[in-house]
Amino acid sequence: MASVDDCRQALQDLADRLDRHVEAQGRIDLDRTLACRVTDLDTAFHGRLEGGRLLGLSDGDDPKAKIALSIGSDDLLALVHGKLDIMSAVASRRVSVKANPFDLMKLRKLL
């Protein structure tokens, strides 16, 4: 099981990767609040996706987030580091995503 710090760092790595993607490919029309709930650690993180960037990453949950992921710590690290495909993870119920279907398609491009 990964630690809370490992999960925080993985999300920061994701934010950095999204910044590079936006610089290379341009903005993505996705401006939503985001919550990532790490189920096996009983912790959460939240931030905001703006133009394809992950901004304001903080500890704690956002119960009103427009996009909410529930995921185990090891699966979070695998997802962020490209070892787990988001769609297969959702299909196998390793990841639960609460989002508008159109947002989910856009999110898939980012992950």
PDB file of N, CA and C in Angstrom:
ATOM      1  N   MET A   1       0.851  -1.178   0.000  1.00  0.00           N
ATOM      2  CA  MET A   1       0.000   0.000   0.000  1.00  0.00           C
ATOM      3  C   MET A   1       0.897   1.242   0.000  1.00  0.00           C
ATOM      4  N   ALA A   2       0.578   2.163  -0.874  1.00  0.00           N
ATOM      5  CA  ALA A   2       1.315   3.421  -0.957  1.00  0.00           C
ATOM      6  C   ALA A   2       0.920   4.317   0.217  1.00  0.00           C
ATOM      7  N   SER A   3       1.752   5.282   0.523  1.00  0.00           N
ATOM      8  CA  SER A   3       1.483   6.206   1.629  1.00  0.00           C
ATOM      9  C   SER A   3       0.724   7.434   1.123  1.00  0.00           C
ATOM     10  N   VAL A   4       0.238   8.217   2.067  1.00  0.00           N
ATOM     11  CA  VAL A   4      -0.430   9.481   1.721  1.00  0.00           C
ATOM     12  C   VAL A   4       0.545  10.381   0.970  1.00  0.00           C
ATOM     13  N   ASP A   5       1.793  10.431   1.416  1.00  0.00           N
ATOM     14  CA  ASP A   5       2.791  11.252   0.730  1.00  0.00           C
ATOM     15  C   ASP A   5       3.041  10.765  -0.692  1.00  0.00           C
ATOM     16  N   ASP A   6       3.058   9.432  -0.886  1.00  0.00           N
ATOM     17  CA  ASP A   6       3.227   8.886  -2.245  1.00  0.00           C
ATOM     18  C   ASP A   6       2.078   9.327  -3.146  1.00  0.00           C
ATOM     19  N   CYS A   7       0.871   9.288  -2.609  1.00  0.00           N
ATOM     20  CA  CYS A   7      -0.310   9.698  -3.390  1.00  0.00           C
ATOM     21  C   CYS A   7      -0.270  11.188  -3.698  1.00  0.00           C
ATOM     22  N   ARG A   8       0.097  11.986  -2.715  1.00  0.00           N
ATOM     23  CA  ARG A   8       0.210  13.440  -2.925  1.00  0.00           C
ATOM     24  C   ARG A   8       1.237  13.724  -4.016  1.00  0.00           C
ATOM     25  N   GLN A   9       2.386  13.026  -3.959  1.00  0.00           N
ATOM     26  CA  GLN A   9       3.435  13.228  -4.960  1.00  0.00           C
ATOM     27  C   GLN A   9       2.974  12.770  -6.344  1.00  0.00           C
ATOM     28  N   ALA A  10       2.244  11.672  -6.407  1.00  0.00           N
ATOM     29  CA  ALA A  10       1.732  11.190  -7.696  1.00  0.00           C
ATOM     30  C   ALA A  10       0.796  12.219  -8.317  1.00  0.00           C
ATOM     31  N   LEU A  11      -0.065  12.815  -7.509  1.00  0.00           N
ATOM     32  CA  LEU A  11      -0.970  13.844  -8.037  1.00  0.00           C
ATOM     33  C   LEU A  11      -0.202  15.090  -8.461  1.00  0.00           C
ATOM     34  N   GLN A  12       0.862  15.425  -7.751  1.00  0.00           N
ATOM     35  CA  GLN A  12       1.700  16.557  -8.173  1.00  0.00           C
ATOM     36  C   GLN A  12       2.411  16.226  -9.483  1.00  0.00           C
ATOM     37  N   ASP A  13       2.869  14.969  -9.617  1.00  0.00           N
ATOM     38  CA  ASP A  13       3.476  14.533 -10.885  1.00  0.00           C
ATOM     39  C   ASP A  13       2.464  14.647 -12.023  1.00  0.00           C
ATOM     40  N   LEU A  14       1.216  14.276 -11.746  1.00  0.00           N
ATOM     41  CA  LEU A  14       0.159  14.407 -12.753  1.00  0.00           C
ATOM     42  C   LEU A  14      -0.050  15.867 -13.123  1.00  0.00           C
ATOM     43  N   ALA A  15      -0.080  16.744 -12.125  1.00  0.00           N
ATOM     44  CA  ALA A  15      -0.245  18.178 -12.395  1.00  0.00           C
ATOM     45  C   ALA A  15       0.893  18.692 -13.279  1.00  0.00           C
ATOM     46  N   ASP A  16       2.116  18.261 -12.992  1.00  0.00           N
ATOM     47  CA  ASP A  16       3.270  18.681 -13.802  1.00  0.00           C
ATOM     48  C   ASP A  16       3.152  18.160 -15.230  1.00  0.00           C
ATOM     49  N   ARG A  17       2.709  16.912 -15.376  1.00  0.00           N
ATOM     50  CA  ARG A  17       2.548  16.324 -16.711  1.00  0.00           C
ATOM     51  C   ARG A  17       1.460  17.053 -17.495  1.00  0.00           C
ATOM     52  N   LEU A  18       0.370  17.403 -16.825  1.00  0.00           N
ATOM     53  CA  LEU A  18      -0.703  18.136 -17.491  1.00  0.00           C
ATOM     54  C   LEU A  18      -0.229  19.515 -17.937  1.00  0.00           C
ATOM     55  N   ASP A  19       0.601  20.175 -17.126  1.00  0.00           N
ATOM     56  CA  ASP A  19       1.169  21.466 -17.524  1.00  0.00           C
ATOM     57  C   ASP A  19       1.976  21.327 -18.812  1.00  0.00           C
ATOM     58  N   ARG A  20       2.813  20.293 -18.869  1.00  0.00           N
ATOM     59  CA  ARG A  20       3.624  20.076 -20.081  1.00  0.00           C
ATOM     60  C   ARG A  20       2.733  19.763 -21.282  1.00  0.00           C
ATOM     61  N   HIS A  21       1.669  19.007 -21.061  1.00  0.00           N
ATOM     62  CA  HIS A  21       0.743  18.663 -22.152  1.00  0.00           C
ATOM     63  C   HIS A  21       0.075  19.912 -22.702  1.00  0.00           C
ATOM     64  N   VAL A  22      -0.380  20.789 -21.822  1.00  0.00           N
ATOM     65  CA  VAL A  22      -1.040  22.020 -22.261  1.00  0.00           C
ATOM     66  C   VAL A  22      -0.059  22.908 -23.027  1.00  0.00           C
ATOM     67  N   GLU A  23       1.197  22.977 -22.539  1.00  0.00           N
ATOM     68  CA  GLU A  23       2.196  23.788 -23.232  1.00  0.00           C
ATOM     69  C   GLU A  23       2.478  23.243 -24.631  1.00  0.00           C
ATOM     70  N   ALA A  24       2.478  21.924 -24.777  1.00  0.00           N
ATOM     71  CA  ALA A  24       2.787  21.312 -26.073  1.00  0.00           C
ATOM     72  C   ALA A  24       1.570  21.224 -26.993  1.00  0.00           C
ATOM     73  N   GLN A  25       0.395  20.899 -26.434  1.00  0.00           N
ATOM     74  CA  GLN A  25      -0.778  20.611 -27.252  1.00  0.00           C
ATOM     75  C   GLN A  25      -1.851  21.700 -27.208  1.00  0.00           C
ATOM     76  N   GLY A  26      -1.773  22.577 -26.244  1.00  0.00           N
ATOM     77  CA  GLY A  26      -2.798  23.600 -26.095  1.00  0.00           C
ATOM     78  C   GLY A  26      -3.829  23.225 -25.051  1.00  0.00           C
ATOM     79  N   ARG A  27      -4.660  24.187 -24.741  1.00  0.00           N
ATOM     80  CA  ARG A  27      -5.684  24.010 -23.705  1.00  0.00           C
ATOM     81  C   ARG A  27      -6.719  22.967 -24.099  1.00  0.00           C
ATOM     82  N   ILE A  28      -7.287  22.344 -23.089  1.00  0.00           N
ATOM     83  CA  ILE A  28      -8.413  21.434 -23.264  1.00  0.00           C
ATOM     84  C   ILE A  28      -9.602  22.081 -22.573  1.00  0.00           C
ATOM     85  N   ASP A  29     -10.734  22.053 -23.223  1.00  0.00           N
ATOM     86  CA  ASP A  29     -11.930  22.676 -22.658  1.00  0.00           C
ATOM     87  C   ASP A  29     -12.481  21.807 -21.534  1.00  0.00           C
ATOM     88  N   LEU A  30     -11.864  21.917 -20.366  1.00  0.00           N
ATOM     89  CA  LEU A  30     -12.298  21.160 -19.198  1.00  0.00           C
ATOM     90  C   LEU A  30     -11.999  21.986 -17.952  1.00  0.00           C
ATOM     91  N   ASP A  31     -13.014  22.625 -17.435  1.00  0.00           N
ATOM     92  CA  ASP A  31     -12.893  23.438 -16.224  1.00  0.00           C
ATOM     93  C   ASP A  31     -13.871  22.903 -15.198  1.00  0.00           C
ATOM     94  N   ARG A  32     -13.351  22.095 -14.285  1.00  0.00           N
ATOM     95  CA  ARG A  32     -14.193  21.450 -13.286  1.00  0.00           C
ATOM     96  C   ARG A  32     -13.429  21.276 -11.974  1.00  0.00           C
ATOM     97  N   THR A  33     -14.183  21.217 -10.880  1.00  0.00           N
ATOM     98  CA  THR A  33     -13.579  20.845  -9.608  1.00  0.00           C
ATOM     99  C   THR A  33     -13.364  19.337  -9.606  1.00  0.00           C
ATOM    100  N   LEU A  34     -12.327  18.912  -8.898  1.00  0.00           N
ATOM    101  CA  LEU A  34     -11.929  17.518  -8.895  1.00  0.00           C
ATOM    102  C   LEU A  34     -11.639  17.069  -7.473  1.00  0.00           C
ATOM    103  N   ALA A  35     -12.133  15.900  -7.116  1.00  0.00           N
ATOM    104  CA  ALA A  35     -11.796  15.265  -5.846  1.00  0.00           C
ATOM    105  C   ALA A  35     -11.239  13.879  -6.137  1.00  0.00           C
ATOM    106  N   CYS A  36     -10.199  13.518  -5.424  1.00  0.00           N
ATOM    107  CA  CYS A  36      -9.610  12.190  -5.534  1.00  0.00           C
ATOM    108  C   CYS A  36      -9.635  11.575  -4.138  1.00  0.00           C
ATOM    109  N   ARG A  37     -10.470  10.567  -3.987  1.00  0.00           N
ATOM    110  CA  ARG A  37     -10.641   9.902  -2.684  1.00  0.00           C
ATOM    111  C   ARG A  37      -9.861   8.597  -2.698  1.00  0.00           C
ATOM    112  N   VAL A  38      -8.870   8.496  -1.818  1.00  0.00           N
ATOM    113  CA  VAL A  38      -8.012   7.318  -1.741  1.00  0.00           C
ATOM    114  C   VAL A  38      -8.611   6.393  -0.689  1.00  0.00           C
ATOM    115  N   THR A  39      -9.257   5.344  -1.162  1.00  0.00           N
ATOM    116  CA  THR A  39     -10.114   4.532  -0.307  1.00  0.00           C
ATOM    117  C   THR A  39      -9.369   3.762   0.779  1.00  0.00           C
ATOM    118  N   ASP A  40      -8.216   3.189   0.451  1.00  0.00           N
ATOM    119  CA  ASP A  40      -7.525   2.373   1.446  1.00  0.00           C
ATOM    120  C   ASP A  40      -6.755   3.193   2.474  1.00  0.00           C
ATOM    121  N   LEU A  41      -6.583   4.473   2.234  1.00  0.00           N
ATOM    122  CA  LEU A  41      -5.893   5.350   3.190  1.00  0.00           C
ATOM    123  C   LEU A  41      -6.863   6.272   3.922  1.00  0.00           C
ATOM    124  N   ASP A  42      -8.131   6.206   3.545  1.00  0.00           N
ATOM    125  CA  ASP A  42      -9.157   7.063   4.148  1.00  0.00           C
ATOM    126  C   ASP A  42      -8.733   8.536   4.116  1.00  0.00           C
ATOM    127  N   THR A  43      -8.277   8.948   2.938  1.00  0.00           N
ATOM    128  CA  THR A  43      -7.857  10.337   2.746  1.00  0.00           C
ATOM    129  C   THR A  43      -8.339  10.809   1.379  1.00  0.00           C
ATOM    130  N   ALA A  44      -8.232  12.092   1.160  1.00  0.00           N
ATOM    131  CA  ALA A  44      -8.676  12.656  -0.122  1.00  0.00           C
ATOM    132  C   ALA A  44      -7.845  13.886  -0.456  1.00  0.00           C
ATOM    133  N   PHE A  45      -7.888  14.238  -1.717  1.00  0.00           N
ATOM    134  CA  PHE A  45      -7.237  15.437  -2.238  1.00  0.00           C
ATOM    135  C   PHE A  45      -8.241  16.117  -3.156  1.00  0.00           C
ATOM    136  N   HIS A  46      -8.083  17.408  -3.334  1.00  0.00           N
ATOM    137  CA  HIS A  46      -8.961  18.113  -4.263  1.00  0.00           C
ATOM    138  C   HIS A  46      -8.193  19.230  -4.953  1.00  0.00           C
ATOM    139  N   GLY A  47      -8.742  19.638  -6.068  1.00  0.00           N
ATOM    140  CA  GLY A  47      -8.159  20.720  -6.850  1.00  0.00           C
ATOM    141  C   GLY A  47      -9.148  21.130  -7.918  1.00  0.00           C
ATOM    142  N   ARG A  48      -8.632  21.800  -8.918  1.00  0.00           N
ATOM    143  CA  ARG A  48      -9.486  22.261 -10.012  1.00  0.00           C
ATOM    144  C   ARG A  48      -8.766  22.020 -11.331  1.00  0.00           C
ATOM    145  N   LEU A  49      -9.481  21.435 -12.276  1.00  0.00           N
ATOM    146  CA  LEU A  49      -8.982  21.318 -13.638  1.00  0.00           C
ATOM    147  C   LEU A  49      -9.402  22.571 -14.389  1.00  0.00           C
ATOM    148  N   GLU A  50      -8.436  23.284 -14.914  1.00  0.00           N
ATOM    149  CA  GLU A  50      -8.709  24.497 -15.696  1.00  0.00           C
ATOM    150  C   GLU A  50      -7.901  24.442 -16.977  1.00  0.00           C
ATOM    151  N   GLY A  51      -8.610  24.356 -18.092  1.00  0.00           N
ATOM    152  CA  GLY A  51      -7.944  24.335 -19.380  1.00  0.00           C
ATOM    153  C   GLY A  51      -7.025  23.142 -19.566  1.00  0.00           C
ATOM    154  N   GLY A  52      -7.263  22.073 -18.805  1.00  0.00           N
ATOM    155  CA  GLY A  52      -6.429  20.894 -18.901  1.00  0.00           C
ATOM    156  C   GLY A  52      -5.311  20.854 -17.874  1.00  0.00           C
ATOM    157  N   ARG A  53      -5.229  21.873 -17.044  1.00  0.00           N
ATOM    158  CA  ARG A  53      -4.226  21.908 -15.971  1.00  0.00           C
ATOM    159  C   ARG A  53      -4.888  21.561 -14.644  1.00  0.00           C
ATOM    160  N   LEU A  54      -4.136  20.942 -13.746  1.00  0.00           N
ATOM    161  CA  LEU A  54      -4.600  20.638 -12.405  1.00  0.00           C
ATOM    162  C   LEU A  54      -4.007  21.677 -11.470  1.00  0.00           C
ATOM    163  N   LEU A  55      -4.868  22.518 -10.921  1.00  0.00           N
ATOM    164  CA  LEU A  55      -4.427  23.644 -10.097  1.00  0.00           C
ATOM    165  C   LEU A  55      -4.971  23.529  -8.676  1.00  0.00           C
ATOM    166  N   GLY A  56      -4.274  24.152  -7.747  1.00  0.00           N
ATOM    167  CA  GLY A  56      -4.752  24.253  -6.373  1.00  0.00           C
ATOM    168  C   GLY A  56      -4.882  22.925  -5.667  1.00  0.00           C
ATOM    169  N   LEU A  57      -3.999  21.993  -5.969  1.00  0.00           N
ATOM    170  CA  LEU A  57      -4.048  20.676  -5.353  1.00  0.00           C
ATOM    171  C   LEU A  57      -3.838  20.798  -3.851  1.00  0.00           C
ATOM    172  N   SER A  58      -4.808  20.284  -3.077  1.00  0.00           N
ATOM    173  CA  SER A  58      -4.777  20.399  -1.618  1.00  0.00           C
ATOM    174  C   SER A  58      -5.260  19.110  -0.977  1.00  0.00           C
ATOM    175  N   ASP A  59      -4.902  18.935   0.270  1.00  0.00           N
ATOM    176  CA  ASP A  59      -5.409  17.809   1.045  1.00  0.00           C
ATOM    177  C   ASP A  59      -6.868  18.066   1.398  1.00  0.00           C
ATOM    178  N   GLY A  60      -7.623  16.991   1.537  1.00  0.00           N
ATOM    179  CA  GLY A  60      -9.017  17.090   1.935  1.00  0.00           C
ATOM    180  C   GLY A  60      -9.958  16.845   0.772  1.00  0.00           C
ATOM    181  N   ASP A  61     -11.176  16.526   1.122  1.00  0.00           N
ATOM    182  CA  ASP A  61     -12.199  16.197   0.140  1.00  0.00           C
ATOM    183  C   ASP A  61     -12.955  17.452  -0.295  1.00  0.00           C
ATOM    184  N   ASP A  62     -13.587  17.380  -1.439  1.00  0.00           N
ATOM    185  CA  ASP A  62     -14.525  18.394  -1.900  1.00  0.00           C
ATOM    186  C   ASP A  62     -15.812  17.662  -2.262  1.00  0.00           C
ATOM    187  N   PRO A  63     -16.758  17.581  -1.324  1.00  0.00           N
ATOM    188  CA  PRO A  63     -17.977  16.819  -1.590  1.00  0.00           C
ATOM    189  C   PRO A  63     -18.807  17.357  -2.752  1.00  0.00           C
ATOM    190  N   LYS A  64     -18.573  18.581  -3.177  1.00  0.00           N
ATOM    191  CA  LYS A  64     -19.319  19.172  -4.287  1.00  0.00           C
ATOM    192  C   LYS A  64     -18.558  19.100  -5.609  1.00  0.00           C
ATOM    193  N   ALA A  65     -17.439  18.372  -5.646  1.00  0.00           N
ATOM    194  CA  ALA A  65     -16.615  18.293  -6.856  1.00  0.00           C
ATOM    195  C   ALA A  65     -17.423  17.737  -8.026  1.00  0.00           C
ATOM    196  N   LYS A  66     -17.250  18.324  -9.187  1.00  0.00           N
ATOM    197  CA  LYS A  66     -17.944  17.892 -10.394  1.00  0.00           C
ATOM    198  C   LYS A  66     -17.384  16.571 -10.928  1.00  0.00           C
ATOM    199  N   ILE A  67     -16.099  16.318 -10.659  1.00  0.00           N
ATOM    200  CA  ILE A  67     -15.462  15.056 -11.019  1.00  0.00           C
ATOM    201  C   ILE A  67     -14.897  14.462  -9.732  1.00  0.00           C
ATOM    202  N   ALA A  68     -15.291  13.234  -9.428  1.00  0.00           N
ATOM    203  CA  ALA A  68     -14.814  12.577  -8.208  1.00  0.00           C
ATOM    204  C   ALA A  68     -14.309  11.181  -8.547  1.00  0.00           C
ATOM    205  N   LEU A  69     -13.066  10.928  -8.169  1.00  0.00           N
ATOM    206  CA  LEU A  69     -12.472   9.614  -8.354  1.00  0.00           C
ATOM    207  C   LEU A  69     -12.337   8.957  -6.990  1.00  0.00           C
ATOM    208  N   SER A  70     -12.691   7.685  -6.903  1.00  0.00           N
ATOM    209  CA  SER A  70     -12.445   6.870  -5.720  1.00  0.00           C
ATOM    210  C   SER A  70     -11.535   5.744  -6.172  1.00  0.00           C
ATOM    211  N   ILE A  71     -10.392   5.619  -5.493  1.00  0.00           N
ATOM    212  CA  ILE A  71      -9.351   4.720  -5.986  1.00  0.00           C
ATOM    213  C   ILE A  71      -8.467   4.288  -4.831  1.00  0.00           C
ATOM    214  N   GLY A  72      -7.906   3.105  -4.913  1.00  0.00           N
ATOM    215  CA  GLY A  72      -6.919   2.650  -3.945  1.00  0.00           C
ATOM    216  C   GLY A  72      -5.580   3.316  -4.208  1.00  0.00           C
ATOM    217  N   SER A  73      -4.744   3.365  -3.192  1.00  0.00           N
ATOM    218  CA  SER A  73      -3.468   4.085  -3.303  1.00  0.00           C
ATOM    219  C   SER A  73      -2.551   3.498  -4.374  1.00  0.00           C
ATOM    220  N   ASP A  74      -2.411   2.178  -4.415  1.00  0.00           N
ATOM    221  CA  ASP A  74      -1.535   1.568  -5.423  1.00  0.00           C
ATOM    222  C   ASP A  74      -2.074   1.782  -6.832  1.00  0.00           C
ATOM    223  N   ASP A  75      -3.384   1.720  -6.980  1.00  0.00           N
ATOM    224  CA  ASP A  75      -3.990   1.968  -8.295  1.00  0.00           C
ATOM    225  C   ASP A  75      -3.822   3.422  -8.713  1.00  0.00           C
ATOM    226  N   LEU A  76      -3.870   4.355  -7.770  1.00  0.00           N
ATOM    227  CA  LEU A  76      -3.639   5.768  -8.092  1.00  0.00           C
ATOM    228  C   LEU A  76      -2.246   5.951  -8.664  1.00  0.00           C
ATOM    229  N   LEU A  77      -1.252   5.376  -8.005  1.00  0.00           N
ATOM    230  CA  LEU A  77       0.118   5.494  -8.499  1.00  0.00           C
ATOM    231  C   LEU A  77       0.257   4.853  -9.872  1.00  0.00           C
ATOM    232  N   ALA A  78      -0.350   3.672 -10.062  1.00  0.00           N
ATOM    233  CA  ALA A  78      -0.274   2.995 -11.358  1.00  0.00           C
ATOM    234  C   ALA A  78      -0.961   3.819 -12.449  1.00  0.00           C
ATOM    235  N   LEU A  79      -2.098   4.411 -12.136  1.00  0.00           N
ATOM    236  CA  LEU A  79      -2.829   5.234 -13.099  1.00  0.00           C
ATOM    237  C   LEU A  79      -2.013   6.452 -13.507  1.00  0.00           C
ATOM    238  N   VAL A  80      -1.480   7.162 -12.533  1.00  0.00           N
ATOM    239  CA  VAL A  80      -0.725   8.381 -12.814  1.00  0.00           C
ATOM    240  C   VAL A  80       0.555   8.076 -13.592  1.00  0.00           C
ATOM    241  N   HIS A  81       1.170   6.939 -13.315  1.00  0.00           N
ATOM    242  CA  HIS A  81       2.435   6.611 -13.971  1.00  0.00           C
ATOM    243  C   HIS A  81       2.259   5.772 -15.234  1.00  0.00           C
ATOM    244  N   GLY A  82       1.015   5.699 -15.739  1.00  0.00           N
ATOM    245  CA  GLY A  82       0.765   5.071 -17.022  1.00  0.00           C
ATOM    246  C   GLY A  82       0.760   3.557 -17.022  1.00  0.00           C
ATOM    247  N   LYS A  83       0.684   2.935 -15.854  1.00  0.00           N
ATOM    248  CA  LYS A  83       0.682   1.476 -15.772  1.00  0.00           C
ATOM    249  C   LYS A  83      -0.723   0.902 -15.661  1.00  0.00           C
ATOM    250  N   LEU A  84      -1.721   1.779 -15.593  1.00  0.00           N
ATOM    251  CA  LEU A  84      -3.110   1.356 -15.484  1.00  0.00           C
ATOM    252  C   LEU A  84      -3.943   2.270 -16.367  1.00  0.00           C
ATOM    253  N   ASP A  85      -4.697   1.672 -17.284  1.00  0.00           N
ATOM    254  CA  ASP A  85      -5.571   2.429 -18.182  1.00  0.00           C
ATOM    255  C   ASP A  85      -6.861   2.790 -17.448  1.00  0.00           C
ATOM    256  N   ILE A  86      -7.280   4.030 -17.534  1.00  0.00           N
ATOM    257  CA  ILE A  86      -8.457   4.513 -16.806  1.00  0.00           C
ATOM    258  C   ILE A  86      -9.715   3.747 -17.196  1.00  0.00           C
ATOM    259  N   MET A  87      -9.906   3.472 -18.459  1.00  0.00           N
ATOM    260  CA  MET A  87     -11.133   2.807 -18.881  1.00  0.00           C
ATOM    261  C   MET A  87     -11.183   1.352 -18.399  1.00  0.00           C
ATOM    262  N   SER A  88     -10.068   0.636 -18.466  1.00  0.00           N
ATOM    263  CA  SER A  88     -10.066  -0.740 -17.960  1.00  0.00           C
ATOM    264  C   SER A  88     -10.182  -0.755 -16.441  1.00  0.00           C
ATOM    265  N   ALA A  89      -9.621   0.246 -15.782  1.00  0.00           N
ATOM    266  CA  ALA A  89      -9.732   0.340 -14.322  1.00  0.00           C
ATOM    267  C   ALA A  89     -11.175   0.605 -13.897  1.00  0.00           C
ATOM    268  N   VAL A  90     -11.880   1.427 -14.656  1.00  0.00           N
ATOM    269  CA  VAL A  90     -13.296   1.689 -14.366  1.00  0.00           C
ATOM    270  C   VAL A  90     -14.114   0.432 -14.637  1.00  0.00           C
ATOM    271  N   ALA A  91     -13.840  -0.214 -15.755  1.00  0.00           N
ATOM    272  CA  ALA A  91     -14.590  -1.421 -16.117  1.00  0.00           C
ATOM    273  C   ALA A  91     -14.406  -2.534 -15.088  1.00  0.00           C
ATOM    274  N   SER A  92     -13.214  -2.629 -14.519  1.00  0.00           N
ATOM    275  CA  SER A  92     -12.943  -3.676 -13.525  1.00  0.00           C
ATOM    276  C   SER A  92     -13.261  -3.212 -12.090  1.00  0.00           C
ATOM    277  N   ARG A  93     -13.782  -2.002 -11.981  1.00  0.00           N
ATOM    278  CA  ARG A  93     -14.181  -1.410 -10.699  1.00  0.00           C
ATOM    279  C   ARG A  93     -13.019  -1.169  -9.740  1.00  0.00           C
ATOM    280  N   ARG A  94     -11.838  -1.027 -10.294  1.00  0.00           N
ATOM    281  CA  ARG A  94     -10.688  -0.639  -9.474  1.00  0.00           C
ATOM    282  C   ARG A  94     -10.721   0.867  -9.223  1.00  0.00           C
ATOM    283  N   VAL A  95     -11.406   1.570 -10.114  1.00  0.00           N
ATOM    284  CA  VAL A  95     -11.579   3.017 -10.002  1.00  0.00           C
ATOM    285  C   VAL A  95     -13.055   3.330 -10.200  1.00  0.00           C
ATOM    286  N   SER A  96     -13.559   4.195  -9.356  1.00  0.00           N
ATOM    287  CA  SER A  96     -14.920   4.685  -9.525  1.00  0.00           C
ATOM    288  C   SER A  96     -14.832   6.163  -9.878  1.00  0.00           C
ATOM    289  N   VAL A  97     -15.506   6.542 -10.947  1.00  0.00           N
ATOM    290  CA  VAL A  97     -15.488   7.937 -11.387  1.00  0.00           C
ATOM    291  C   VAL A  97     -16.911   8.452 -11.439  1.00  0.00           C
ATOM    292  N   LYS A  98     -17.138   9.540 -10.745  1.00  0.00           N
ATOM    293  CA  LYS A  98     -18.431  10.219 -10.808  1.00  0.00           C
ATOM    294  C   LYS A  98     -18.210  11.493 -11.608  1.00  0.00           C
ATOM    295  N   ALA A  99     -18.756  11.502 -12.815  1.00  0.00           N
ATOM    296  CA  ALA A  99     -18.562  12.652 -13.702  1.00  0.00           C
ATOM    297  C   ALA A  99     -19.574  12.592 -14.829  1.00  0.00           C
ATOM    298  N   ASN A 100     -19.801  13.732 -15.431  1.00  0.00           N
ATOM    299  CA  ASN A 100     -20.580  13.819 -16.654  1.00  0.00           C
ATOM    300  C   ASN A 100     -19.869  12.970 -17.713  1.00  0.00           C
ATOM    301  N   PRO A 101     -20.595  12.196 -18.532  1.00  0.00           N
ATOM    302  CA  PRO A 101     -19.945  11.351 -19.542  1.00  0.00           C
ATOM    303  C   PRO A 101     -19.018  12.129 -20.486  1.00  0.00           C
ATOM    304  N   PHE A 102     -19.377  13.341 -20.837  1.00  0.00           N
ATOM    305  CA  PHE A 102     -18.525  14.148 -21.709  1.00  0.00           C
ATOM    306  C   PHE A 102     -17.234  14.549 -20.989  1.00  0.00           C
ATOM    307  N   ASP A 103     -17.338  14.846 -19.685  1.00  0.00           N
ATOM    308  CA  ASP A 103     -16.140  15.162 -18.900  1.00  0.00           C
ATOM    309  C   ASP A 103     -15.239  13.942 -18.798  1.00  0.00           C
ATOM    310  N   LEU A 104     -15.849  12.768 -18.673  1.00  0.00           N
ATOM    311  CA  LEU A 104     -15.076  11.531 -18.574  1.00  0.00           C
ATOM    312  C   LEU A 104     -14.260  11.300 -19.837  1.00  0.00           C
ATOM    313  N   MET A 105     -14.844  11.576 -20.986  1.00  0.00           N
ATOM    314  CA  MET A 105     -14.092  11.428 -22.250  1.00  0.00           C
ATOM    315  C   MET A 105     -12.936  12.404 -22.308  1.00  0.00           C
ATOM    316  N   LYS A 106     -13.136  13.622 -21.865  1.00  0.00           N
ATOM    317  CA  LYS A 106     -12.054  14.600 -21.849  1.00  0.00           C
ATOM    318  C   LYS A 106     -10.986  14.218 -20.839  1.00  0.00           C
ATOM    319  N   LEU A 107     -11.429  13.717 -19.686  1.00  0.00           N
ATOM    320  CA  LEU A 107     -10.492  13.293 -18.643  1.00  0.00           C
ATOM    321  C   LEU A 107      -9.622  12.143 -19.130  1.00  0.00           C
ATOM    322  N   ARG A 108     -10.212  11.262 -19.903  1.00  0.00           N
ATOM    323  CA  ARG A 108      -9.453  10.128 -20.444  1.00  0.00           C
ATOM    324  C   ARG A 108      -8.265  10.612 -21.272  1.00  0.00           C
ATOM    325  N   LYS A 109      -8.455  11.681 -22.018  1.00  0.00           N
ATOM    326  CA  LYS A 109      -7.363  12.227 -22.829  1.00  0.00           C
ATOM    327  C   LYS A 109      -6.215  12.720 -21.953  1.00  0.00           C
ATOM    328  N   LEU A 110      -6.551  13.197 -20.745  1.00  0.00           N
ATOM    329  CA  LEU A 110      -5.536  13.733 -19.859  1.00  0.00           C
ATOM    330  C   LEU A 110      -4.761  12.651 -19.127  1.00  0.00           C
ATOM    331  N   LEU A 111      -5.420  11.549 -18.862  1.00  0.00           N
ATOM    332  CA  LEU A 111      -4.769  10.469 -18.114  1.00  0.00           C
ATOM    333  C   LEU A 111      -4.129   9.490 -19.055  1.00  0.00           C
TER     334      LEU A 111
END
